Amino acid sequence: SKGTTNHFGKARSSVASKIVRTAVEYTLNNIMMDQMSSHQQLRVLVEQLQREANIDRMKTSEAINHLKRYISEHEAEDYLLVGFTSQKANPFREKSSCTVL
């Protein structure tokens, strides 16, 4: 389907960059909105709505199938499911304290 490649590969990075760009633009627009006339504010709103309308969408059922496939392909790498191979591999282990006698 349009906008998806290799189980979120390029599409994921593209979508992520669009989200970040949109969030930055949204924040800047909110800051500047107070200084704009209502006509300018409406223009900014229309531009934002046009950007959102151009985002590639997929059906929820399709997205769920992609997520299920991704999860099953990567479950061996999920430390919450399989645990750590050793205590040293666990970044959340309690650090040992060093005592000098």
PDB file of N, CA and C in Angstrom:
ATOM      1  N   SER A   1       0.826  -1.189   0.000  1.00  0.00           N
ATOM      2  CA  SER A   1       0.000   0.000   0.000  1.00  0.00           C
ATOM      3  C   SER A   1       0.862   1.240   0.000  1.00  0.00           C
ATOM      4  N   LYS A   2       0.278   2.322  -0.359  1.00  0.00           N
ATOM      5  CA  LYS A   2       1.008   3.577  -0.498  1.00  0.00           C
ATOM      6  C   LYS A   2       1.542   4.044   0.851  1.00  0.00           C
ATOM      7  N   GLY A   3       2.832   4.407   0.888  1.00  0.00           N
ATOM      8  CA  GLY A   3       3.417   4.976   2.091  1.00  0.00           C
ATOM      9  C   GLY A   3       4.019   3.962   3.051  1.00  0.00           C
ATOM     10  N   THR A   4       3.944   2.667   2.731  1.00  0.00           N
ATOM     11  CA  THR A   4       4.548   1.683   3.624  1.00  0.00           C
ATOM     12  C   THR A   4       5.611   0.908   2.874  1.00  0.00           C
ATOM     13  N   THR A   5       6.753   0.717   3.502  1.00  0.00           N
ATOM     14  CA  THR A   5       7.814  -0.086   2.906  1.00  0.00           C
ATOM     15  C   THR A   5       8.479  -0.889   4.001  1.00  0.00           C
ATOM     16  N   ASN A   6       8.740  -2.145   3.714  1.00  0.00           N
ATOM     17  CA  ASN A   6       9.526  -2.989   4.605  1.00  0.00           C
ATOM     18  C   ASN A   6       9.107  -2.872   6.072  1.00  0.00           C
ATOM     19  N   HIS A   7       7.857  -3.099   6.341  1.00  0.00           N
ATOM     20  CA  HIS A   7       7.337  -3.053   7.712  1.00  0.00           C
ATOM     21  C   HIS A   7       7.783  -1.788   8.444  1.00  0.00           C
ATOM     22  N   PHE A   8       7.441  -0.665   7.956  1.00  0.00           N
ATOM     23  CA  PHE A   8       7.689   0.640   8.567  1.00  0.00           C
ATOM     24  C   PHE A   8       9.063   1.218   8.265  1.00  0.00           C
ATOM     25  N   GLY A   9       9.915   0.579   7.498  1.00  0.00           N
ATOM     26  CA  GLY A   9      11.274   1.055   7.223  1.00  0.00           C
ATOM     27  C   GLY A   9      11.354   2.523   6.874  1.00  0.00           C
ATOM     28  N   LYS A  10      11.359   2.837   5.582  1.00  0.00           N
ATOM     29  CA  LYS A  10      11.471   4.224   5.141  1.00  0.00           C
ATOM     30  C   LYS A  10      10.229   5.016   5.503  1.00  0.00           C
ATOM     31  N   ALA A  11       9.076   4.376   5.464  1.00  0.00           N
ATOM     32  CA  ALA A  11       7.835   5.075   5.778  1.00  0.00           C
ATOM     33  C   ALA A  11       7.850   5.576   7.213  1.00  0.00           C
ATOM     34  N   ARG A  12       8.405   4.775   8.138  1.00  0.00           N
ATOM     35  CA  ARG A  12       8.440   5.177   9.537  1.00  0.00           C
ATOM     36  C   ARG A  12       9.276   6.432   9.708  1.00  0.00           C
ATOM     37  N   SER A  13      10.464   6.479   9.100  1.00  0.00           N
ATOM     38  CA  SER A  13      11.312   7.658   9.252  1.00  0.00           C
ATOM     39  C   SER A  13      10.683   8.856   8.572  1.00  0.00           C
ATOM     40  N   SER A  14      10.004   8.639   7.465  1.00  0.00           N
ATOM     41  CA  SER A  14       9.335   9.729   6.769  1.00  0.00           C
ATOM     42  C   SER A  14       8.192  10.276   7.613  1.00  0.00           C
ATOM     43  N   VAL A  15       7.401   9.378   8.186  1.00  0.00           N
ATOM     44  CA  VAL A  15       6.284   9.800   9.026  1.00  0.00           C
ATOM     45  C   VAL A  15       6.805  10.500  10.270  1.00  0.00           C
ATOM     46  N   ALA A  16       7.862   9.961  10.873  1.00  0.00           N
ATOM     47  CA  ALA A  16       8.434  10.572  12.070  1.00  0.00           C
ATOM     48  C   ALA A  16       8.931  11.978  11.782  1.00  0.00           C
ATOM     49  N   SER A  17       9.601  12.171  10.652  1.00  0.00           N
ATOM     50  CA  SER A  17      10.100  13.510  10.331  1.00  0.00           C
ATOM     51  C   SER A  17       8.940  14.461  10.058  1.00  0.00           C
ATOM     52  N   LYS A  18       7.869  13.957   9.441  1.00  0.00           N
ATOM     53  CA  LYS A  18       6.692  14.806   9.217  1.00  0.00           C
ATOM     54  C   LYS A  18       6.056  15.206  10.541  1.00  0.00           C
ATOM     55  N   ILE A  19       5.990  14.266  11.480  1.00  0.00           N
ATOM     56  CA  ILE A  19       5.395  14.559  12.785  1.00  0.00           C
ATOM     57  C   ILE A  19       6.212  15.606  13.522  1.00  0.00           C
ATOM     58  N   VAL A  20       7.533  15.444  13.523  1.00  0.00           N
ATOM     59  CA  VAL A  20       8.399  16.413  14.198  1.00  0.00           C
ATOM     60  C   VAL A  20       8.269  17.780  13.550  1.00  0.00           C
ATOM     61  N   ARG A  21       8.312  17.799  12.219  1.00  0.00           N
ATOM     62  CA  ARG A  21       8.192  19.066  11.501  1.00  0.00           C
ATOM     63  C   ARG A  21       6.851  19.730  11.812  1.00  0.00           C
ATOM     64  N   THR A  22       5.777  18.949  11.829  1.00  0.00           N
ATOM     65  CA  THR A  22       4.453  19.486  12.118  1.00  0.00           C
ATOM     66  C   THR A  22       4.386  20.014  13.545  1.00  0.00           C
ATOM     67  N   ALA A  23       4.983  19.303  14.505  1.00  0.00           N
ATOM     68  CA  ALA A  23       4.970  19.740  15.898  1.00  0.00           C
ATOM     69  C   ALA A  23       5.723  21.054  16.068  1.00  0.00           C
ATOM     70  N   VAL A  24       6.866  21.175  15.406  1.00  0.00           N
ATOM     71  CA  VAL A  24       7.644  22.415  15.482  1.00  0.00           C
ATOM     72  C   VAL A  24       6.860  23.562  14.858  1.00  0.00           C
ATOM     73  N   GLU A  25       6.292  23.308  13.692  1.00  0.00           N
ATOM     74  CA  GLU A  25       5.503  24.343  13.029  1.00  0.00           C
ATOM     75  C   GLU A  25       4.311  24.740  13.889  1.00  0.00           C
ATOM     76  N   TYR A  26       3.665  23.761  14.514  1.00  0.00           N
ATOM     77  CA  TYR A  26       2.509  24.027  15.359  1.00  0.00           C
ATOM     78  C   TYR A  26       2.906  24.917  16.531  1.00  0.00           C
ATOM     79  N   THR A  27       4.031  24.611  17.175  1.00  0.00           N
ATOM     80  CA  THR A  27       4.501  25.407  18.304  1.00  0.00           C
ATOM     81  C   THR A  27       4.823  26.827  17.875  1.00  0.00           C
ATOM     82  N   LEU A  28       5.555  26.959  16.771  1.00  0.00           N
ATOM     83  CA  LEU A  28       5.891  28.293  16.274  1.00  0.00           C
ATOM     84  C   LEU A  28       4.635  29.056  15.884  1.00  0.00           C
ATOM     85  N   ASN A  29       3.700  28.363  15.254  1.00  0.00           N
ATOM     86  CA  ASN A  29       2.458  29.017  14.855  1.00  0.00           C
ATOM     87  C   ASN A  29       1.682  29.509  16.064  1.00  0.00           C
ATOM     88  N   ASN A  30       1.640  28.733  17.142  1.00  0.00           N
ATOM     89  CA  ASN A  30       0.935  29.172  18.345  1.00  0.00           C
ATOM     90  C   ASN A  30       1.571  30.412  18.951  1.00  0.00           C
ATOM     91  N   ILE A  31       2.882  30.473  18.917  1.00  0.00           N
ATOM     92  CA  ILE A  31       3.587  31.633  19.462  1.00  0.00           C
ATOM     93  C   ILE A  31       3.281  32.874  18.632  1.00  0.00           C
ATOM     94  N   MET A  32       3.265  32.697  17.315  1.00  0.00           N
ATOM     95  CA  MET A  32       3.067  33.847  16.427  1.00  0.00           C
ATOM     96  C   MET A  32       1.597  34.204  16.234  1.00  0.00           C
ATOM     97  N   MET A  33       0.672  33.296  16.564  1.00  0.00           N
ATOM     98  CA  MET A  33      -0.749  33.523  16.321  1.00  0.00           C
ATOM     99  C   MET A  33      -1.260  34.782  17.013  1.00  0.00           C
ATOM    100  N   ASP A  34      -0.762  35.039  18.210  1.00  0.00           N
ATOM    101  CA  ASP A  34      -1.227  36.210  18.951  1.00  0.00           C
ATOM    102  C   ASP A  34      -0.893  37.506  18.231  1.00  0.00           C
ATOM    103  N   GLN A  35       0.128  37.479  17.391  1.00  0.00           N
ATOM    104  CA  GLN A  35       0.577  38.684  16.713  1.00  0.00           C
ATOM    105  C   GLN A  35      -0.005  38.818  15.312  1.00  0.00           C
ATOM    106  N   MET A  36      -0.848  37.880  14.884  1.00  0.00           N
ATOM    107  CA  MET A  36      -1.389  37.902  13.527  1.00  0.00           C
ATOM    108  C   MET A  36      -2.825  38.400  13.517  1.00  0.00           C
ATOM    109  N   SER A  37      -3.211  38.928  12.372  1.00  0.00           N
ATOM    110  CA  SER A  37      -4.611  39.300  12.187  1.00  0.00           C
ATOM    111  C   SER A  37      -5.432  38.026  12.027  1.00  0.00           C
ATOM    112  N   SER A  38      -6.742  38.145  12.135  1.00  0.00           N
ATOM    113  CA  SER A  38      -7.589  36.954  12.008  1.00  0.00           C
ATOM    114  C   SER A  38      -7.485  36.359  10.604  1.00  0.00           C
ATOM    115  N   HIS A  39      -7.280  37.194   9.589  1.00  0.00           N
ATOM    116  CA  HIS A  39      -7.111  36.694   8.221  1.00  0.00           C
ATOM    117  C   HIS A  39      -5.834  35.853   8.123  1.00  0.00           C
ATOM    118  N   GLN A  40      -4.757  36.334   8.707  1.00  0.00           N
ATOM    119  CA  GLN A  40      -3.499  35.586   8.700  1.00  0.00           C
ATOM    120  C   GLN A  40      -3.635  34.281   9.488  1.00  0.00           C
ATOM    121  N   GLN A  41      -4.357  34.335  10.609  1.00  0.00           N
ATOM    122  CA  GLN A  41      -4.564  33.133  11.411  1.00  0.00           C
ATOM    123  C   GLN A  41      -5.337  32.079  10.621  1.00  0.00           C
ATOM    124  N   LEU A  42      -6.358  32.517   9.880  1.00  0.00           N
ATOM    125  CA  LEU A  42      -7.131  31.586   9.064  1.00  0.00           C
ATOM    126  C   LEU A  42      -6.270  30.985   7.958  1.00  0.00           C
ATOM    127  N   ARG A  43      -5.397  31.790   7.382  1.00  0.00           N
ATOM    128  CA  ARG A  43      -4.500  31.289   6.339  1.00  0.00           C
ATOM    129  C   ARG A  43      -3.577  30.205   6.903  1.00  0.00           C
ATOM    130  N   VAL A  44      -3.028  30.447   8.088  1.00  0.00           N
ATOM    131  CA  VAL A  44      -2.158  29.466   8.741  1.00  0.00           C
ATOM    132  C   VAL A  44      -2.944  28.186   9.026  1.00  0.00           C
ATOM    133  N   LEU A  45      -4.181  28.333   9.491  1.00  0.00           N
ATOM    134  CA  LEU A  45      -5.017  27.174   9.774  1.00  0.00           C
ATOM    135  C   LEU A  45      -5.278  26.360   8.510  1.00  0.00           C
ATOM    136  N   VAL A  46      -5.608  27.029   7.413  1.00  0.00           N
ATOM    137  CA  VAL A  46      -5.862  26.341   6.147  1.00  0.00           C
ATOM    138  C   VAL A  46      -4.606  25.615   5.679  1.00  0.00           C
ATOM    139  N   GLU A  47      -3.437  26.253   5.804  1.00  0.00           N
ATOM    140  CA  GLU A  47      -2.184  25.606   5.405  1.00  0.00           C
ATOM    141  C   GLU A  47      -1.928  24.356   6.237  1.00  0.00           C
ATOM    142  N   GLN A  48      -2.205  24.448   7.540  1.00  0.00           N
ATOM    143  CA  GLN A  48      -2.015  23.286   8.413  1.00  0.00           C
ATOM    144  C   GLN A  48      -2.974  22.164   8.029  1.00  0.00           C
ATOM    145  N   LEU A  49      -4.206  22.495   7.763  1.00  0.00           N
ATOM    146  CA  LEU A  49      -5.187  21.483   7.373  1.00  0.00           C
ATOM    147  C   LEU A  49      -4.807  20.834   6.044  1.00  0.00           C
ATOM    148  N   GLN A  50      -4.238  21.615   5.128  1.00  0.00           N
ATOM    149  CA  GLN A  50      -3.788  21.054   3.852  1.00  0.00           C
ATOM    150  C   GLN A  50      -2.636  20.076   4.069  1.00  0.00           C
ATOM    151  N   ARG A  51      -1.696  20.429   4.963  1.00  0.00           N
ATOM    152  CA  ARG A  51      -0.587  19.516   5.270  1.00  0.00           C
ATOM    153  C   ARG A  51      -1.125  18.213   5.863  1.00  0.00           C
ATOM    154  N   GLU A  52      -2.079  18.329   6.775  1.00  0.00           N
ATOM    155  CA  GLU A  52      -2.638  17.138   7.406  1.00  0.00           C
ATOM    156  C   GLU A  52      -3.401  16.286   6.399  1.00  0.00           C
ATOM    157  N   ALA A  53      -4.074  16.926   5.445  1.00  0.00           N
ATOM    158  CA  ALA A  53      -4.826  16.186   4.430  1.00  0.00           C
ATOM    159  C   ALA A  53      -3.893  15.409   3.507  1.00  0.00           C
ATOM    160  N   ASN A  54      -2.646  15.856   3.361  1.00  0.00           N
ATOM    161  CA  ASN A  54      -1.687  15.197   2.471  1.00  0.00           C
ATOM    162  C   ASN A  54      -0.926  14.045   3.124  1.00  0.00           C
ATOM    163  N   ILE A  55      -1.157  13.802   4.404  1.00  0.00           N
ATOM    164  CA  ILE A  55      -0.475  12.705   5.089  1.00  0.00           C
ATOM    165  C   ILE A  55      -1.057  11.387   4.595  1.00  0.00           C
ATOM    166  N   ASP A  56      -0.158  10.460   4.210  1.00  0.00           N
ATOM    167  CA  ASP A  56      -0.606   9.136   3.772  1.00  0.00           C
ATOM    168  C   ASP A  56      -1.259   8.413   4.943  1.00  0.00           C
ATOM    169  N   ARG A  57      -2.405   7.837   4.683  1.00  0.00           N
ATOM    170  CA  ARG A  57      -3.133   7.133   5.731  1.00  0.00           C
ATOM    171  C   ARG A  57      -3.283   5.668   5.351  1.00  0.00           C
ATOM    172  N   MET A  58      -3.507   4.843   6.349  1.00  0.00           N
ATOM    173  CA  MET A  58      -3.793   3.437   6.087  1.00  0.00           C
ATOM    174  C   MET A  58      -4.933   3.022   7.011  1.00  0.00           C
ATOM    175  N   LYS A  59      -5.609   1.970   6.622  1.00  0.00           N
ATOM    176  CA  LYS A  59      -6.704   1.461   7.439  1.00  0.00           C
ATOM    177  C   LYS A  59      -6.147   0.933   8.751  1.00  0.00           C
ATOM    178  N   THR A  60      -6.945   1.052   9.802  1.00  0.00           N
ATOM    179  CA  THR A  60      -6.529   0.581  11.114  1.00  0.00           C
ATOM    180  C   THR A  60      -6.206  -0.908  11.082  1.00  0.00           C
ATOM    181  N   SER A  61      -7.033  -1.684  10.404  1.00  0.00           N
ATOM    182  CA  SER A  61      -6.792  -3.131  10.334  1.00  0.00           C
ATOM    183  C   SER A  61      -5.455  -3.430   9.662  1.00  0.00           C
ATOM    184  N   GLU A  62      -5.098  -2.641   8.665  1.00  0.00           N
ATOM    185  CA  GLU A  62      -3.811  -2.813   7.981  1.00  0.00           C
ATOM    186  C   GLU A  62      -2.656  -2.450   8.916  1.00  0.00           C
ATOM    187  N   ALA A  63      -2.805  -1.351   9.653  1.00  0.00           N
ATOM    188  CA  ALA A  63      -1.766  -0.929  10.599  1.00  0.00           C
ATOM    189  C   ALA A  63      -1.589  -1.970  11.701  1.00  0.00           C
ATOM    190  N   ILE A  64      -2.699  -2.540  12.164  1.00  0.00           N
ATOM    191  CA  ILE A  64      -2.634  -3.568  13.203  1.00  0.00           C
ATOM    192  C   ILE A  64      -1.873  -4.789  12.695  1.00  0.00           C
ATOM    193  N   ASN A  65      -2.149  -5.193  11.456  1.00  0.00           N
ATOM    194  CA  ASN A  65      -1.431  -6.341  10.889  1.00  0.00           C
ATOM    195  C   ASN A  65       0.060  -6.064  10.772  1.00  0.00           C
ATOM    196  N   HIS A  66       0.429  -4.837  10.391  1.00  0.00           N
ATOM    197  CA  HIS A  66       1.850  -4.461  10.322  1.00  0.00           C
ATOM    198  C   HIS A  66       2.481  -4.533  11.713  1.00  0.00           C
ATOM    199  N   LEU A  67       1.773  -4.004  12.712  1.00  0.00           N
ATOM    200  CA  LEU A  67       2.300  -4.020  14.077  1.00  0.00           C
ATOM    201  C   LEU A  67       2.468  -5.448  14.594  1.00  0.00           C
ATOM    202  N   LYS A  68       1.474  -6.294  14.356  1.00  0.00           N
ATOM    203  CA  LYS A  68       1.563  -7.688  14.800  1.00  0.00           C
ATOM    204  C   LYS A  68       2.738  -8.398  14.143  1.00  0.00           C
ATOM    205  N   ARG A  69       2.926  -8.169  12.854  1.00  0.00           N
ATOM    206  CA  ARG A  69       4.034  -8.800  12.137  1.00  0.00           C
ATOM    207  C   ARG A  69       5.371  -8.290  12.677  1.00  0.00           C
ATOM    208  N   TYR A  70       5.482  -6.980  12.898  1.00  0.00           N
ATOM    209  CA  TYR A  70       6.713  -6.386  13.424  1.00  0.00           C
ATOM    210  C   TYR A  70       7.033  -6.958  14.809  1.00  0.00           C
ATOM    211  N   ILE A  71       6.010  -7.041  15.656  1.00  0.00           N
ATOM    212  CA  ILE A  71       6.214  -7.557  17.011  1.00  0.00           C
ATOM    213  C   ILE A  71       6.679  -9.003  16.973  1.00  0.00           C
ATOM    214  N   SER A  72       6.027  -9.824  16.155  1.00  0.00           N
ATOM    215  CA  SER A  72       6.419 -11.236  16.101  1.00  0.00           C
ATOM    216  C   SER A  72       7.818 -11.413  15.510  1.00  0.00           C
ATOM    217  N   GLU A  73       8.217 -10.555  14.580  1.00  0.00           N
ATOM    218  CA  GLU A  73       9.556 -10.648  13.992  1.00  0.00           C
ATOM    219  C   GLU A  73      10.645 -10.186  14.956  1.00  0.00           C
ATOM    220  N   HIS A  74      10.298  -9.315  15.907  1.00  0.00           N
ATOM    221  CA  HIS A  74      11.305  -8.745  16.804  1.00  0.00           C
ATOM    222  C   HIS A  74      11.160  -9.190  18.257  1.00  0.00           C
ATOM    223  N   GLU A  75      10.285 -10.163  18.537  1.00  0.00           N
ATOM    224  CA  GLU A  75      10.073 -10.549  19.929  1.00  0.00           C
ATOM    225  C   GLU A  75      11.314 -11.180  20.558  1.00  0.00           C
ATOM    226  N   ALA A  76      12.185 -11.785  19.762  1.00  0.00           N
ATOM    227  CA  ALA A  76      13.412 -12.371  20.317  1.00  0.00           C
ATOM    228  C   ALA A  76      14.354 -11.298  20.849  1.00  0.00           C
ATOM    229  N   GLU A  77      14.218 -10.071  20.364  1.00  0.00           N
ATOM    230  CA  GLU A  77      15.069  -8.958  20.798  1.00  0.00           C
ATOM    231  C   GLU A  77      14.442  -8.166  21.942  1.00  0.00           C
ATOM    232  N   ASP A  78      13.235  -8.535  22.364  1.00  0.00           N
ATOM    233  CA  ASP A  78      12.505  -7.787  23.386  1.00  0.00           C
ATOM    234  C   ASP A  78      12.895  -8.295  24.771  1.00  0.00           C
ATOM    235  N   TYR A  79      13.647  -7.499  25.498  1.00  0.00           N
ATOM    236  CA  TYR A  79      14.140  -7.908  26.805  1.00  0.00           C
ATOM    237  C   TYR A  79      13.018  -8.078  27.824  1.00  0.00           C
ATOM    238  N   LEU A  80      11.893  -7.414  27.619  1.00  0.00           N
ATOM    239  CA  LEU A  80      10.777  -7.605  28.540  1.00  0.00           C
ATOM    240  C   LEU A  80      10.181  -9.002  28.397  1.00  0.00           C
ATOM    241  N   LEU A  81      10.317  -9.594  27.226  1.00  0.00           N
ATOM    242  CA  LEU A  81       9.795 -10.947  26.998  1.00  0.00           C
ATOM    243  C   LEU A  81      10.816 -12.033  27.309  1.00  0.00           C
ATOM    244  N   VAL A  82      12.061 -11.844  26.872  1.00  0.00           N
ATOM    245  CA  VAL A  82      13.063 -12.912  26.986  1.00  0.00           C
ATOM    246  C   VAL A  82      14.076 -12.677  28.095  1.00  0.00           C
ATOM    247  N   GLY A  83      14.102 -11.510  28.665  1.00  0.00           N
ATOM    248  CA  GLY A  83      15.068 -11.211  29.713  1.00  0.00           C
ATOM    249  C   GLY A  83      16.448 -10.911  29.140  1.00  0.00           C
ATOM    250  N   PHE A  84      17.382 -10.650  30.022  1.00  0.00           N
ATOM    251  CA  PHE A  84      18.742 -10.329  29.618  1.00  0.00           C
ATOM    252  C   PHE A  84      19.607 -11.582  29.672  1.00  0.00           C
ATOM    253  N   THR A  85      20.586 -11.643  28.786  1.00  0.00           N
ATOM    254  CA  THR A  85      21.473 -12.805  28.749  1.00  0.00           C
ATOM    255  C   THR A  85      22.377 -12.858  29.975  1.00  0.00           C
ATOM    256  N   SER A  86      22.696 -11.698  30.526  1.00  0.00           N
ATOM    257  CA  SER A  86      23.508 -11.643  31.747  1.00  0.00           C
ATOM    258  C   SER A  86      23.158 -10.361  32.490  1.00  0.00           C
ATOM    259  N   GLN A  87      23.571 -10.293  33.739  1.00  0.00           N
ATOM    260  CA  GLN A  87      23.312  -9.084  34.522  1.00  0.00           C
ATOM    261  C   GLN A  87      24.022  -7.865  33.932  1.00  0.00           C
ATOM    262  N   LYS A  88      25.199  -8.085  33.340  1.00  0.00           N
ATOM    263  CA  LYS A  88      25.937  -6.964  32.754  1.00  0.00           C
ATOM    264  C   LYS A  88      25.195  -6.351  31.578  1.00  0.00           C
ATOM    265  N   ALA A  89      24.405  -7.144  30.877  1.00  0.00           N
ATOM    266  CA  ALA A  89      23.656  -6.647  29.721  1.00  0.00           C
ATOM    267  C   ALA A  89      22.463  -5.797  30.142  1.00  0.00           C
ATOM    268  N   ASN A  90      22.064  -5.903  31.402  1.00  0.00           N
ATOM    269  CA  ASN A  90      20.902  -5.182  31.909  1.00  0.00           C
ATOM    270  C   ASN A  90      21.294  -3.766  32.327  1.00  0.00           C
ATOM    271  N   PRO A  91      20.859  -2.740  31.590  1.00  0.00           N
ATOM    272  CA  PRO A  91      21.222  -1.368  31.953  1.00  0.00           C
ATOM    273  C   PRO A  91      20.478  -0.881  33.197  1.00  0.00           C
ATOM    274  N   PHE A  92      19.468  -1.631  33.662  1.00  0.00           N
ATOM    275  CA  PHE A  92      18.659  -1.209  34.802  1.00  0.00           C
ATOM    276  C   PHE A  92      19.037  -1.938  36.094  1.00  0.00           C
ATOM    277  N   ARG A  93      20.082  -2.741  36.051  1.00  0.00           N
ATOM    278  CA  ARG A  93      20.495  -3.487  37.242  1.00  0.00           C
ATOM    279  C   ARG A  93      20.979  -2.514  38.312  1.00  0.00           C
ATOM    280  N   GLU A  94      20.927  -2.979  39.548  1.00  0.00           N
ATOM    281  CA  GLU A  94      21.461  -2.164  40.631  1.00  0.00           C
ATOM    282  C   GLU A  94      22.969  -2.114  40.499  1.00  0.00           C
ATOM    283  N   LYS A  95      23.493  -0.933  40.582  1.00  0.00           N
ATOM    284  CA  LYS A  95      24.942  -0.769  40.472  1.00  0.00           C
ATOM    285  C   LYS A  95      25.586  -1.225  41.775  1.00  0.00           C
ATOM    286  N   SER A  96      26.673  -1.937  41.644  1.00  0.00           N
ATOM    287  CA  SER A  96      27.366  -2.377  42.856  1.00  0.00           C
ATOM    288  C   SER A  96      28.167  -1.210  43.410  1.00  0.00           C
ATOM    289  N   SER A  97      28.151  -1.121  44.707  1.00  0.00           N
ATOM    290  CA  SER A  97      28.911  -0.031  45.321  1.00  0.00           C
ATOM    291  C   SER A  97      30.313  -0.527  45.643  1.00  0.00           C
ATOM    292  N   CYS A  98      31.247   0.347  45.520  1.00  0.00           N
ATOM    293  CA  CYS A  98      32.638  -0.001  45.764  1.00  0.00           C
ATOM    294  C   CYS A  98      32.996   0.459  47.175  1.00  0.00           C
ATOM    295  N   THR A  99      33.466  -0.450  47.977  1.00  0.00           N
ATOM    296  CA  THR A  99      33.881  -0.076  49.329  1.00  0.00           C
ATOM    297  C   THR A  99      35.384  -0.257  49.456  1.00  0.00           C
ATOM    298  N   VAL A 100      35.997   0.730  50.000  1.00  0.00           N
ATOM    299  CA  VAL A 100      37.443   0.684  50.200  1.00  0.00           C
ATOM    300  C   VAL A 100      37.691   0.466  51.682  1.00  0.00           C
ATOM    301  N   LEU A 101      38.473  -0.552  51.998  1.00  0.00           N
ATOM    302  CA  LEU A 101      38.762  -0.854  53.405  1.00  0.00           C
ATOM    303  C   LEU A 101      40.076  -0.316  53.828  1.00  0.00           C
TER     304      LEU A 101
END
